[in-house]
């Protein structure tokens, strides 16, 4: 899994192994440890929501996507799921992209 932050956007690229795990378990996660007291975690999961959601609390970024939308996307050739979340505190919009990161076939 690759995660990129750039200009108020988050782009997540999922490997074939990530896709397989997401299909089986409806969740995929990773953690990067900086020290015994400092880390950042990321979790992507399917959930019963009307619209996608993203939260960041206590060093953990969680992206939740409707489980039916996620399952359909995992089983087709579409590259990504894209959505935006407006900030509750200011006028900024956070752009989210969750994409399949498969090797080129040429």
PDB file of N, CA and C in Angstrom:
ATOM      1  N   UNK A   1       0.834  -1.162   0.000  1.00  0.00           N
ATOM      2  CA  UNK A   1       0.000   0.000   0.000  1.00  0.00           C
ATOM      3  C   UNK A   1       0.891   1.241   0.000  1.00  0.00           C
ATOM      4  N   UNK A   2       0.530   2.188  -0.861  1.00  0.00           N
ATOM      5  CA  UNK A   2       1.244   3.458  -0.933  1.00  0.00           C
ATOM      6  C   UNK A   2       0.263   4.558  -0.567  1.00  0.00           C
ATOM      7  N   UNK A   3       0.721   5.491   0.257  1.00  0.00           N
ATOM      8  CA  UNK A   3      -0.121   6.603   0.672  1.00  0.00           C
ATOM      9  C   UNK A   3       0.629   7.896   0.387  1.00  0.00           C
ATOM     10  N   UNK A   4      -0.028   8.811  -0.310  1.00  0.00           N
ATOM     11  CA  UNK A   4       0.610  10.081  -0.647  1.00  0.00           C
ATOM     12  C   UNK A   4      -0.280  11.234  -0.190  1.00  0.00           C
ATOM     13  N   UNK A   5       0.342  12.191   0.479  1.00  0.00           N
ATOM     14  CA  UNK A   5      -0.325  13.413   0.899  1.00  0.00           C
ATOM     15  C   UNK A   5       0.227  14.550   0.050  1.00  0.00           C
ATOM     16  N   UNK A   6      -0.656  15.344  -0.557  1.00  0.00           N
ATOM     17  CA  UNK A   6      -0.202  16.448  -1.398  1.00  0.00           C
ATOM     18  C   UNK A   6      -1.325  17.471  -1.547  1.00  0.00           C
ATOM     19  N   UNK A   7      -1.035  18.724  -1.173  1.00  0.00           N
ATOM     20  CA  UNK A   7      -1.982  19.831  -1.379  1.00  0.00           C
ATOM     21  C   UNK A   7      -3.423  19.495  -0.991  1.00  0.00           C
ATOM     22  N   UNK A   8      -3.616  19.118   0.238  1.00  0.00           N
ATOM     23  CA  UNK A   8      -4.940  18.812   0.791  1.00  0.00           C
ATOM     24  C   UNK A   8      -5.625  17.643   0.074  1.00  0.00           C
ATOM     25  N   UNK A   9      -4.807  16.671  -0.310  1.00  0.00           N
ATOM     26  CA  UNK A   9      -5.362  15.456  -0.904  1.00  0.00           C
ATOM     27  C   UNK A   9      -4.624  14.238  -0.342  1.00  0.00           C
ATOM     28  N   UNK A  10      -5.328  13.127  -0.354  1.00  0.00           N
ATOM     29  CA  UNK A  10      -4.761  11.846   0.065  1.00  0.00           C
ATOM     30  C   UNK A  10      -4.994  10.866  -1.073  1.00  0.00           C
ATOM     31  N   UNK A  11      -3.925  10.223  -1.510  1.00  0.00           N
ATOM     32  CA  UNK A  11      -4.019   9.218  -2.573  1.00  0.00           C
ATOM     33  C   UNK A  11      -3.490   7.905  -2.015  1.00  0.00           C
ATOM     34  N   UNK A  12      -4.316   6.890  -2.084  1.00  0.00           N
ATOM     35  CA  UNK A  12      -3.954   5.556  -1.606  1.00  0.00           C
ATOM     36  C   UNK A  12      -3.908   4.626  -2.810  1.00  0.00           C
ATOM     37  N   UNK A  13      -2.785   3.937  -2.977  1.00  0.00           N
ATOM     38  CA  UNK A  13      -2.633   2.960  -4.067  1.00  0.00           C
ATOM     39  C   UNK A  13      -2.518   1.581  -3.441  1.00  0.00           C
ATOM     40  N   UNK A  14      -3.388   0.670  -3.837  1.00  0.00           N
ATOM     41  CA  UNK A  14      -3.442  -0.673  -3.271  1.00  0.00           C
ATOM     42  C   UNK A  14      -2.802  -1.695  -4.193  1.00  0.00           C
ATOM     43  N   UNK A  15      -1.907  -2.503  -3.641  1.00  0.00           N
ATOM     44  CA  UNK A  15      -1.275  -3.589  -4.398  1.00  0.00           C
ATOM     45  C   UNK A  15      -2.275  -4.733  -4.579  1.00  0.00           C
ATOM     46  N   UNK A  16      -1.890  -5.706  -5.377  1.00  0.00           N
ATOM     47  CA  UNK A  16      -2.748  -6.882  -5.564  1.00  0.00           C
ATOM     48  C   UNK A  16      -2.975  -7.610  -4.241  1.00  0.00           C
ATOM     49  N   UNK A  17      -1.947  -7.673  -3.384  1.00  0.00           N
ATOM     50  CA  UNK A  17      -2.096  -8.313  -2.068  1.00  0.00           C
ATOM     51  C   UNK A  17      -3.074  -7.527  -1.194  1.00  0.00           C
ATOM     52  N   UNK A  18      -3.006  -6.191  -1.251  1.00  0.00           N
ATOM     53  CA  UNK A  18      -3.943  -5.354  -0.500  1.00  0.00           C
ATOM     54  C   UNK A  18      -5.375  -5.586  -0.985  1.00  0.00           C
ATOM     55  N   UNK A  19      -5.553  -5.652  -2.309  1.00  0.00           N
ATOM     56  CA  UNK A  19      -6.876  -5.885  -2.900  1.00  0.00           C
ATOM     57  C   UNK A  19      -7.431  -7.224  -2.426  1.00  0.00           C
ATOM     58  N   UNK A  20      -6.616  -8.248  -2.451  1.00  0.00           N
ATOM     59  CA  UNK A  20      -7.040  -9.579  -2.020  1.00  0.00           C
ATOM     60  C   UNK A  20      -7.458  -9.572  -0.543  1.00  0.00           C
ATOM     61  N   UNK A  21      -6.665  -8.929   0.293  1.00  0.00           N
ATOM     62  CA  UNK A  21      -6.988  -8.861   1.721  1.00  0.00           C
ATOM     63  C   UNK A  21      -8.274  -8.069   1.951  1.00  0.00           C
ATOM     64  N   UNK A  22      -8.443  -6.991   1.215  1.00  0.00           N
ATOM     65  CA  UNK A  22      -9.640  -6.175   1.337  1.00  0.00           C
ATOM     66  C   UNK A  22     -10.888  -6.959   0.924  1.00  0.00           C
ATOM     67  N   UNK A  23     -10.756  -7.784  -0.119  1.00  0.00           N
ATOM     68  CA  UNK A  23     -11.873  -8.636  -0.538  1.00  0.00           C
ATOM     69  C   UNK A  23     -12.246  -9.632   0.560  1.00  0.00           C
ATOM     70  N   UNK A  24     -11.247 -10.251   1.166  1.00  0.00           N
ATOM     71  CA  UNK A  24     -11.486 -11.285   2.173  1.00  0.00           C
ATOM     72  C   UNK A  24     -11.918 -10.727   3.525  1.00  0.00           C
ATOM     73  N   UNK A  25     -11.260  -9.676   3.972  1.00  0.00           N
ATOM     74  CA  UNK A  25     -11.451  -9.198   5.348  1.00  0.00           C
ATOM     75  C   UNK A  25     -12.186  -7.868   5.450  1.00  0.00           C
ATOM     76  N   UNK A  26     -12.453  -7.212   4.317  1.00  0.00           N
ATOM     77  CA  UNK A  26     -13.114  -5.910   4.270  1.00  0.00           C
ATOM     78  C   UNK A  26     -12.323  -4.810   4.976  1.00  0.00           C
ATOM     79  N   UNK A  27     -11.036  -5.058   5.236  1.00  0.00           N
ATOM     80  CA  UNK A  27     -10.170  -4.043   5.827  1.00  0.00           C
ATOM     81  C   UNK A  27      -8.720  -4.324   5.459  1.00  0.00           C
ATOM     82  N   UNK A  28      -7.937  -3.266   5.358  1.00  0.00           N
ATOM     83  CA  UNK A  28      -6.503  -3.371   5.138  1.00  0.00           C
ATOM     84  C   UNK A  28      -5.875  -2.231   5.934  1.00  0.00           C
ATOM     85  N   UNK A  29      -4.739  -2.521   6.570  1.00  0.00           N
ATOM     86  CA  UNK A  29      -4.130  -1.519   7.447  1.00  0.00           C
ATOM     87  C   UNK A  29      -2.615  -1.625   7.405  1.00  0.00           C
ATOM     88  N   UNK A  30      -1.968  -0.532   7.802  1.00  0.00           N
ATOM     89  CA  UNK A  30      -0.521  -0.492   7.900  1.00  0.00           C
ATOM     90  C   UNK A  30      -0.132   0.523   8.961  1.00  0.00           C
ATOM     91  N   UNK A  31       1.043   0.333   9.544  1.00  0.00           N
ATOM     92  CA  UNK A  31       1.562   1.258  10.552  1.00  0.00           C
ATOM     93  C   UNK A  31       3.027   1.522  10.277  1.00  0.00           C
ATOM     94  N   UNK A  32       3.421   2.776  10.419  1.00  0.00           N
ATOM     95  CA  UNK A  32       4.819   3.161  10.334  1.00  0.00           C
ATOM     96  C   UNK A  32       5.233   3.653  11.714  1.00  0.00           C
ATOM     97  N   UNK A  33       6.271   3.034  12.270  1.00  0.00           N
ATOM     98  CA  UNK A  33       6.742   3.375  13.611  1.00  0.00           C
ATOM     99  C   UNK A  33       7.963   4.273  13.499  1.00  0.00           C
ATOM    100  N   UNK A  34       7.913   5.402  14.170  1.00  0.00           N
ATOM    101  CA  UNK A  34       9.025   6.347  14.190  1.00  0.00           C
ATOM    102  C   UNK A  34       9.908   6.157  15.416  1.00  0.00           C
ATOM    103  N   UNK A  35       9.286   5.785  16.525  1.00  0.00           N
ATOM    104  CA  UNK A  35       9.990   5.544  17.782  1.00  0.00           C
ATOM    105  C   UNK A  35       9.063   4.718  18.669  1.00  0.00           C
ATOM    106  N   UNK A  36       9.534   4.282  19.847  1.00  0.00           N
ATOM    107  CA  UNK A  36       8.635   3.517  20.726  1.00  0.00           C
ATOM    108  C   UNK A  36       7.382   4.299  21.133  1.00  0.00           C
ATOM    109  N   UNK A  37       7.397   5.616  20.980  1.00  0.00           N
ATOM    110  CA  UNK A  37       6.275   6.439  21.421  1.00  0.00           C
ATOM    111  C   UNK A  37       5.566   7.177  20.295  1.00  0.00           C
ATOM    112  N   UNK A  38       5.987   6.931  19.058  1.00  0.00           N
ATOM    113  CA  UNK A  38       5.442   7.691  17.950  1.00  0.00           C
ATOM    114  C   UNK A  38       5.262   6.815  16.713  1.00  0.00           C
ATOM    115  N   UNK A  39       4.032   6.797  16.204  1.00  0.00           N
ATOM    116  CA  UNK A  39       3.746   6.048  14.977  1.00  0.00           C
ATOM    117  C   UNK A  39       2.555   6.694  14.278  1.00  0.00           C
ATOM    118  N   UNK A  40       2.367   6.297  13.037  1.00  0.00           N
ATOM    119  CA  UNK A  40       1.183   6.708  12.281  1.00  0.00           C
ATOM    120  C   UNK A  40       0.596   5.446  11.660  1.00  0.00           C
ATOM    121  N   UNK A  41      -0.718   5.313  11.749  1.00  0.00           N
ATOM    122  CA  UNK A  41      -1.411   4.137  11.217  1.00  0.00           C
ATOM    123  C   UNK A  41      -2.422   4.572  10.167  1.00  0.00           C
ATOM    124  N   UNK A  42      -2.692   3.662   9.253  1.00  0.00           N
ATOM    125  CA  UNK A  42      -3.678   3.888   8.216  1.00  0.00           C
ATOM    126  C   UNK A  42      -4.554   2.654   8.103  1.00  0.00           C
ATOM    127  N   UNK A  43      -5.846   2.869   7.952  1.00  0.00           N
ATOM    128  CA  UNK A  43      -6.796   1.764   7.785  1.00  0.00           C
ATOM    129  C   UNK A  43      -7.827   2.154   6.728  1.00  0.00           C
ATOM    130  N   UNK A  44      -8.092   1.233   5.825  1.00  0.00           N
ATOM    131  CA  UNK A  44      -9.141   1.378   4.823  1.00  0.00           C
ATOM    132  C   UNK A  44     -10.105   0.236   5.042  1.00  0.00           C
ATOM    133  N   UNK A  45     -11.399   0.549   5.148  1.00  0.00           N
ATOM    134  CA  UNK A  45     -12.339  -0.549   5.356  1.00  0.00           C
ATOM    135  C   UNK A  45     -13.694  -0.275   4.733  1.00  0.00           C
ATOM    136  N   UNK A  46     -14.417  -1.357   4.530  1.00  0.00           N
ATOM    137  CA  UNK A  46     -15.785  -1.291   4.054  1.00  0.00           C
ATOM    138  C   UNK A  46     -16.711  -1.206   5.256  1.00  0.00           C
ATOM    139  N   UNK A  47     -17.691  -0.310   5.158  1.00  0.00           N
ATOM    140  CA  UNK A  47     -18.561  -0.065   6.297  1.00  0.00           C
ATOM    141  C   UNK A  47     -19.950   0.269   5.779  1.00  0.00           C
ATOM    142  N   UNK A  48     -20.950   0.115   6.592  1.00  0.00           N
ATOM    143  CA  UNK A  48     -22.317   0.450   6.189  1.00  0.00           C
ATOM    144  C   UNK A  48     -22.548   1.945   6.357  1.00  0.00           C
ATOM    145  N   UNK A  49     -22.127   2.711   5.350  1.00  0.00           N
ATOM    146  CA  UNK A  49     -22.269   4.161   5.347  1.00  0.00           C
ATOM    147  C   UNK A  49     -22.996   4.603   4.093  1.00  0.00           C
ATOM    148  N   UNK A  50     -23.692   5.725   4.179  1.00  0.00           N
ATOM    149  CA  UNK A  50     -24.319   6.286   2.984  1.00  0.00           C
ATOM    150  C   UNK A  50     -23.287   6.931   2.063  1.00  0.00           C
ATOM    151  N   UNK A  51     -22.249   7.535   2.660  1.00  0.00           N
ATOM    152  CA  UNK A  51     -21.205   8.176   1.870  1.00  0.00           C
ATOM    153  C   UNK A  51     -19.851   7.886   2.515  1.00  0.00           C
ATOM    154  N   UNK A  52     -18.783   7.935   1.716  1.00  0.00           N
ATOM    155  CA  UNK A  52     -17.450   7.660   2.262  1.00  0.00           C
ATOM    156  C   UNK A  52     -17.088   8.653   3.363  1.00  0.00           C
ATOM    157  N   UNK A  53     -16.198   8.234   4.242  1.00  0.00           N
ATOM    158  CA  UNK A  53     -15.779   9.075   5.359  1.00  0.00           C
ATOM    159  C   UNK A  53     -14.280   8.930   5.582  1.00  0.00           C
ATOM    160  N   UNK A  54     -13.680   9.981   6.112  1.00  0.00           N
ATOM    161  CA  UNK A  54     -12.271   9.945   6.468  1.00  0.00           C
ATOM    162  C   UNK A  54     -12.114  10.641   7.817  1.00  0.00           C
ATOM    163  N   UNK A  55     -11.313  10.024   8.712  1.00  0.00           N
ATOM    164  CA  UNK A  55     -11.036  10.615  10.012  1.00  0.00           C
ATOM    165  C   UNK A  55      -9.549  10.465  10.325  1.00  0.00           C
ATOM    166  N   UNK A  56      -9.059  11.360  11.166  1.00  0.00           N
ATOM    167  CA  UNK A  56      -7.688  11.259  11.658  1.00  0.00           C
ATOM    168  C   UNK A  56      -7.707  11.627  13.128  1.00  0.00           C
ATOM    169  N   UNK A  57      -7.386  10.644  13.975  1.00  0.00           N
ATOM    170  CA  UNK A  57      -7.360  10.859  15.417  1.00  0.00           C
ATOM    171  C   UNK A  57      -6.245  10.029  16.018  1.00  0.00           C
ATOM    172  N   UNK A  58      -5.508  10.656  16.929  1.00  0.00           N
ATOM    173  CA  UNK A  58      -4.461   9.973  17.690  1.00  0.00           C
ATOM    174  C   UNK A  58      -3.500   9.184  16.798  1.00  0.00           C
ATOM    175  N   UNK A  59      -3.096   9.808  15.683  1.00  0.00           N
ATOM    176  CA  UNK A  59      -2.119   9.194  14.800  1.00  0.00           C
ATOM    177  C   UNK A  59      -2.662   8.105  13.893  1.00  0.00           C
ATOM    178  N   UNK A  60      -3.991   8.011  13.771  1.00  0.00           N
ATOM    179  CA  UNK A  60      -4.593   6.966  12.927  1.00  0.00           C
ATOM    180  C   UNK A  60      -5.532   7.599  11.902  1.00  0.00           C
ATOM    181  N   UNK A  61      -5.214   7.378  10.626  1.00  0.00           N
ATOM    182  CA  UNK A  61      -6.041   7.828   9.510  1.00  0.00           C
ATOM    183  C   UNK A  61      -6.926   6.660   9.091  1.00  0.00           C
ATOM    184  N   UNK A  62      -8.239   6.892   9.068  1.00  0.00           N
ATOM    185  CA  UNK A  62      -9.185   5.846   8.688  1.00  0.00           C
ATOM    186  C   UNK A  62     -10.043   6.353   7.535  1.00  0.00           C
ATOM    187  N   UNK A  63     -10.061   5.567   6.461  1.00  0.00           N
ATOM    188  CA  UNK A  63     -10.955   5.835   5.340  1.00  0.00           C
ATOM    189  C   UNK A  63     -11.980   4.714   5.310  1.00  0.00           C
ATOM    190  N   UNK A  64     -13.260   5.108   5.329  1.00  0.00           N
ATOM    191  CA  UNK A  64     -14.358   4.141   5.293  1.00  0.00           C
ATOM    192  C   UNK A  64     -15.192   4.380   4.043  1.00  0.00           C
ATOM    193  N   UNK A  65     -15.457   3.294   3.335  1.00  0.00           N
ATOM    194  CA  UNK A  65     -16.221   3.349   2.093  1.00  0.00           C
ATOM    195  C   UNK A  65     -17.372   2.365   2.216  1.00  0.00           C
ATOM    196  N   UNK A  66     -18.518   2.726   1.671  1.00  0.00           N
ATOM    197  CA  UNK A  66     -19.672   1.826   1.708  1.00  0.00           C
ATOM    198  C   UNK A  66     -19.257   0.437   1.239  1.00  0.00           C
ATOM    199  N   UNK A  67     -19.592  -0.577   2.018  1.00  0.00           N
ATOM    200  CA  UNK A  67     -19.113  -1.937   1.761  1.00  0.00           C
ATOM    201  C   UNK A  67     -19.582  -2.466   0.406  1.00  0.00           C
ATOM    202  N   UNK A  68     -20.790  -2.116  -0.024  1.00  0.00           N
ATOM    203  CA  UNK A  68     -21.282  -2.580  -1.328  1.00  0.00           C
ATOM    204  C   UNK A  68     -20.534  -1.896  -2.472  1.00  0.00           C
ATOM    205  N   UNK A  69     -20.312  -0.588  -2.355  1.00  0.00           N
ATOM    206  CA  UNK A  69     -19.529   0.146  -3.353  1.00  0.00           C
ATOM    207  C   UNK A  69     -18.114  -0.415  -3.432  1.00  0.00           C
ATOM    208  N   UNK A  70     -17.512  -0.660  -2.267  1.00  0.00           N
ATOM    209  CA  UNK A  70     -16.154  -1.197  -2.219  1.00  0.00           C
ATOM    210  C   UNK A  70     -16.090  -2.583  -2.856  1.00  0.00           C
ATOM    211  N   UNK A  71     -17.023  -3.455  -2.530  1.00  0.00           N
ATOM    212  CA  UNK A  71     -17.039  -4.819  -3.092  1.00  0.00           C
ATOM    213  C   UNK A  71     -17.188  -4.788  -4.607  1.00  0.00           C
ATOM    214  N   UNK A  72     -18.086  -3.937  -5.112  1.00  0.00           N
ATOM    215  CA  UNK A  72     -18.271  -3.829  -6.563  1.00  0.00           C
ATOM    216  C   UNK A  72     -17.000  -3.333  -7.237  1.00  0.00           C
ATOM    217  N   UNK A  73     -16.358  -2.322  -6.642  1.00  0.00           N
ATOM    218  CA  UNK A  73     -15.128  -1.771  -7.206  1.00  0.00           C
ATOM    219  C   UNK A  73     -14.004  -2.805  -7.231  1.00  0.00           C
ATOM    220  N   UNK A  74     -13.898  -3.593  -6.189  1.00  0.00           N
ATOM    221  CA  UNK A  74     -12.848  -4.611  -6.111  1.00  0.00           C
ATOM    222  C   UNK A  74     -12.993  -5.668  -7.199  1.00  0.00           C
ATOM    223  N   UNK A  75     -14.218  -5.873  -7.666  1.00  0.00           N
ATOM    224  CA  UNK A  75     -14.484  -6.919  -8.654  1.00  0.00           C
ATOM    225  C   UNK A  75     -14.575  -6.416 -10.094  1.00  0.00           C
ATOM    226  N   UNK A  76     -14.256  -5.131 -10.330  1.00  0.00           N
ATOM    227  CA  UNK A  76     -14.314  -4.657 -11.710  1.00  0.00           C
ATOM    228  C   UNK A  76     -12.989  -4.008 -12.113  1.00  0.00           C
ATOM    229  N   UNK A  77     -12.945  -3.470 -13.331  1.00  0.00           N
ATOM    230  CA  UNK A  77     -11.706  -2.908 -13.876  1.00  0.00           C
ATOM    231  C   UNK A  77     -11.521  -1.416 -13.608  1.00  0.00           C
ATOM    232  N   UNK A  78     -12.442  -0.792 -12.889  1.00  0.00           N
ATOM    233  CA  UNK A  78     -12.295   0.628 -12.578  1.00  0.00           C
ATOM    234  C   UNK A  78     -11.044   0.841 -11.737  1.00  0.00           C
ATOM    235  N   UNK A  79     -10.300   1.908 -12.055  1.00  0.00           N
ATOM    236  CA  UNK A  79      -9.043   2.145 -11.344  1.00  0.00           C
ATOM    237  C   UNK A  79      -9.248   2.657  -9.929  1.00  0.00           C
ATOM    238  N   UNK A  80     -10.236   3.526  -9.718  1.00  0.00           N
ATOM    239  CA  UNK A  80     -10.309   4.129  -8.397  1.00  0.00           C
ATOM    240  C   UNK A  80     -11.683   4.533  -7.928  1.00  0.00           C
ATOM    241  N   UNK A  81     -11.717   4.863  -6.640  1.00  0.00           N
ATOM    242  CA  UNK A  81     -12.876   5.470  -5.996  1.00  0.00           C
ATOM    243  C   UNK A  81     -12.403   6.849  -5.545  1.00  0.00           C
ATOM    244  N   UNK A  82     -13.173   7.873  -5.889  1.00  0.00           N
ATOM    245  CA  UNK A  82     -12.768   9.246  -5.611  1.00  0.00           C
ATOM    246  C   UNK A  82     -13.895   9.971  -4.888  1.00  0.00           C
ATOM    247  N   UNK A  83     -13.533  10.735  -3.860  1.00  0.00           N
ATOM    248  CA  UNK A  83     -14.532  11.536  -3.173  1.00  0.00           C
ATOM    249  C   UNK A  83     -13.859  12.705  -2.470  1.00  0.00           C
ATOM    250  N   UNK A  84     -14.678  13.634  -1.995  1.00  0.00           N
ATOM    251  CA  UNK A  84     -14.197  14.800  -1.277  1.00  0.00           C
ATOM    252  C   UNK A  84     -14.917  14.904   0.051  1.00  0.00           C
ATOM    253  N   UNK A  85     -14.224  15.494   1.025  1.00  0.00           N
ATOM    254  CA  UNK A  85     -14.834  15.735   2.333  1.00  0.00           C
ATOM    255  C   UNK A  85     -14.556  17.180   2.716  1.00  0.00           C
ATOM    256  N   UNK A  86     -15.625  17.935   2.955  1.00  0.00           N
ATOM    257  CA  UNK A  86     -15.490  19.326   3.371  1.00  0.00           C
ATOM    258  C   UNK A  86     -15.119  19.371   4.848  1.00  0.00           C
ATOM    259  N   UNK A  87     -14.232  20.274   5.185  1.00  0.00           N
ATOM    260  CA  UNK A  87     -13.823  20.458   6.568  1.00  0.00           C
ATOM    261  C   UNK A  87     -14.953  21.105   7.367  1.00  0.00           C
ATOM    262  N   UNK A  88     -15.122  20.668   8.599  1.00  0.00           N
ATOM    263  CA  UNK A  88     -16.122  21.272   9.470  1.00  0.00           C
ATOM    264  C   UNK A  88     -15.612  22.574  10.077  1.00  0.00           C
ATOM    265  N   UNK A  89     -14.313  22.844   9.964  1.00  0.00           N
ATOM    266  CA  UNK A  89     -13.704  23.977  10.639  1.00  0.00           C
ATOM    267  C   UNK A  89     -13.344  25.137   9.715  1.00  0.00           C
ATOM    268  N   UNK A  90     -13.204  24.884   8.425  1.00  0.00           N
ATOM    269  CA  UNK A  90     -12.850  25.951   7.492  1.00  0.00           C
ATOM    270  C   UNK A  90     -13.435  25.620   6.121  1.00  0.00           C
ATOM    271  N   UNK A  91     -13.084  26.353   5.136  1.00  0.00           N
ATOM    272  CA  UNK A  91     -13.659  26.174   3.799  1.00  0.00           C
ATOM    273  C   UNK A  91     -12.890  25.187   2.925  1.00  0.00           C
ATOM    274  N   UNK A  92     -11.871  24.537   3.468  1.00  0.00           N
ATOM    275  CA  UNK A  92     -11.060  23.625   2.661  1.00  0.00           C
ATOM    276  C   UNK A  92     -11.779  22.297   2.414  1.00  0.00           C
ATOM    277  N   UNK A  93     -11.437  21.699   1.283  1.00  0.00           N
ATOM    278  CA  UNK A  93     -11.987  20.396   0.909  1.00  0.00           C
ATOM    279  C   UNK A  93     -10.831  19.413   0.804  1.00  0.00           C
ATOM    280  N   UNK A  94     -10.971  18.282   1.445  1.00  0.00           N
ATOM    281  CA  UNK A  94      -9.976  17.212   1.385  1.00  0.00           C
ATOM    282  C   UNK A  94     -10.387  16.263   0.269  1.00  0.00           C
ATOM    283  N   UNK A  95      -9.482  16.042  -0.692  1.00  0.00           N
ATOM    284  CA  UNK A  95      -9.754  15.141  -1.810  1.00  0.00           C
ATOM    285  C   UNK A  95      -9.141  13.778  -1.505  1.00  0.00           C
ATOM    286  N   UNK A  96      -9.909  12.717  -1.720  1.00  0.00           N
ATOM    287  CA  UNK A  96      -9.466  11.356  -1.436  1.00  0.00           C
ATOM    288  C   UNK A  96      -9.527  10.534  -2.719  1.00  0.00           C
ATOM    289  N   UNK A  97      -8.450   9.793  -2.990  1.00  0.00           N
ATOM    290  CA  UNK A  97      -8.408   8.852  -4.115  1.00  0.00           C
ATOM    291  C   UNK A  97      -7.926   7.506  -3.577  1.00  0.00           C
ATOM    292  N   UNK A  98      -8.695   6.469  -3.822  1.00  0.00           N
ATOM    293  CA  UNK A  98      -8.291   5.105  -3.484  1.00  0.00           C
ATOM    294  C   UNK A  98      -8.212   4.364  -4.810  1.00  0.00           C
ATOM    295  N   UNK A  99      -6.996   3.904  -5.156  1.00  0.00           N
ATOM    296  CA  UNK A  99      -6.776   3.354  -6.493  1.00  0.00           C
ATOM    297  C   UNK A  99      -6.086   1.989  -6.447  1.00  0.00           C
ATOM    298  N   UNK A 100      -6.314   1.224  -7.501  1.00  0.00           N
ATOM    299  CA  UNK A 100      -5.613  -0.048  -7.681  1.00  0.00           C
ATOM    300  C   UNK A 100      -4.243   0.245  -8.278  1.00  0.00           C
ATOM    301  N   UNK A 101      -3.221  -0.362  -7.731  1.00  0.00           N
ATOM    302  CA  UNK A 101      -1.840  -0.106  -8.154  1.00  0.00           C
ATOM    303  C   UNK A 101      -1.265  -1.373  -8.793  1.00  0.00           C
ATOM    304  N   UNK A 102      -1.824  -1.752  -9.933  1.00  0.00           N
ATOM    305  CA  UNK A 102      -1.356  -2.953 -10.601  1.00  0.00           C
ATOM    306  C   UNK A 102      -0.260  -2.609 -11.580  1.00  0.00           C
ATOM    307  N   UNK A 103       0.696  -3.531 -11.799  1.00  0.00           N
ATOM    308  CA  UNK A 103       1.748  -3.277 -12.768  1.00  0.00           C
ATOM    309  C   UNK A 103       1.194  -3.157 -14.182  1.00  0.00           C
ATOM    310  N   UNK A 104       1.890  -2.388 -14.998  1.00  0.00           N
ATOM    311  CA  UNK A 104       1.499  -2.226 -16.401  1.00  0.00           C
ATOM    312  C   UNK A 104       1.570  -3.584 -17.106  1.00  0.00           C
ATOM    313  N   UNK A 105       0.657  -3.800 -18.073  1.00  0.00           N
ATOM    314  CA  UNK A 105       0.622  -5.079 -18.803  1.00  0.00           C
ATOM    315  C   UNK A 105       1.030  -4.895 -20.245  1.00  0.00           C
ATOM    316  N   UNK A 106       2.100  -4.162 -20.486  1.00  0.00           N
ATOM    317  CA  UNK A 106       2.560  -4.007 -21.879  1.00  0.00           C
ATOM    318  C   UNK A 106       4.019  -4.345 -21.987  1.00  0.00           C
TER     319      UNK A 106
END
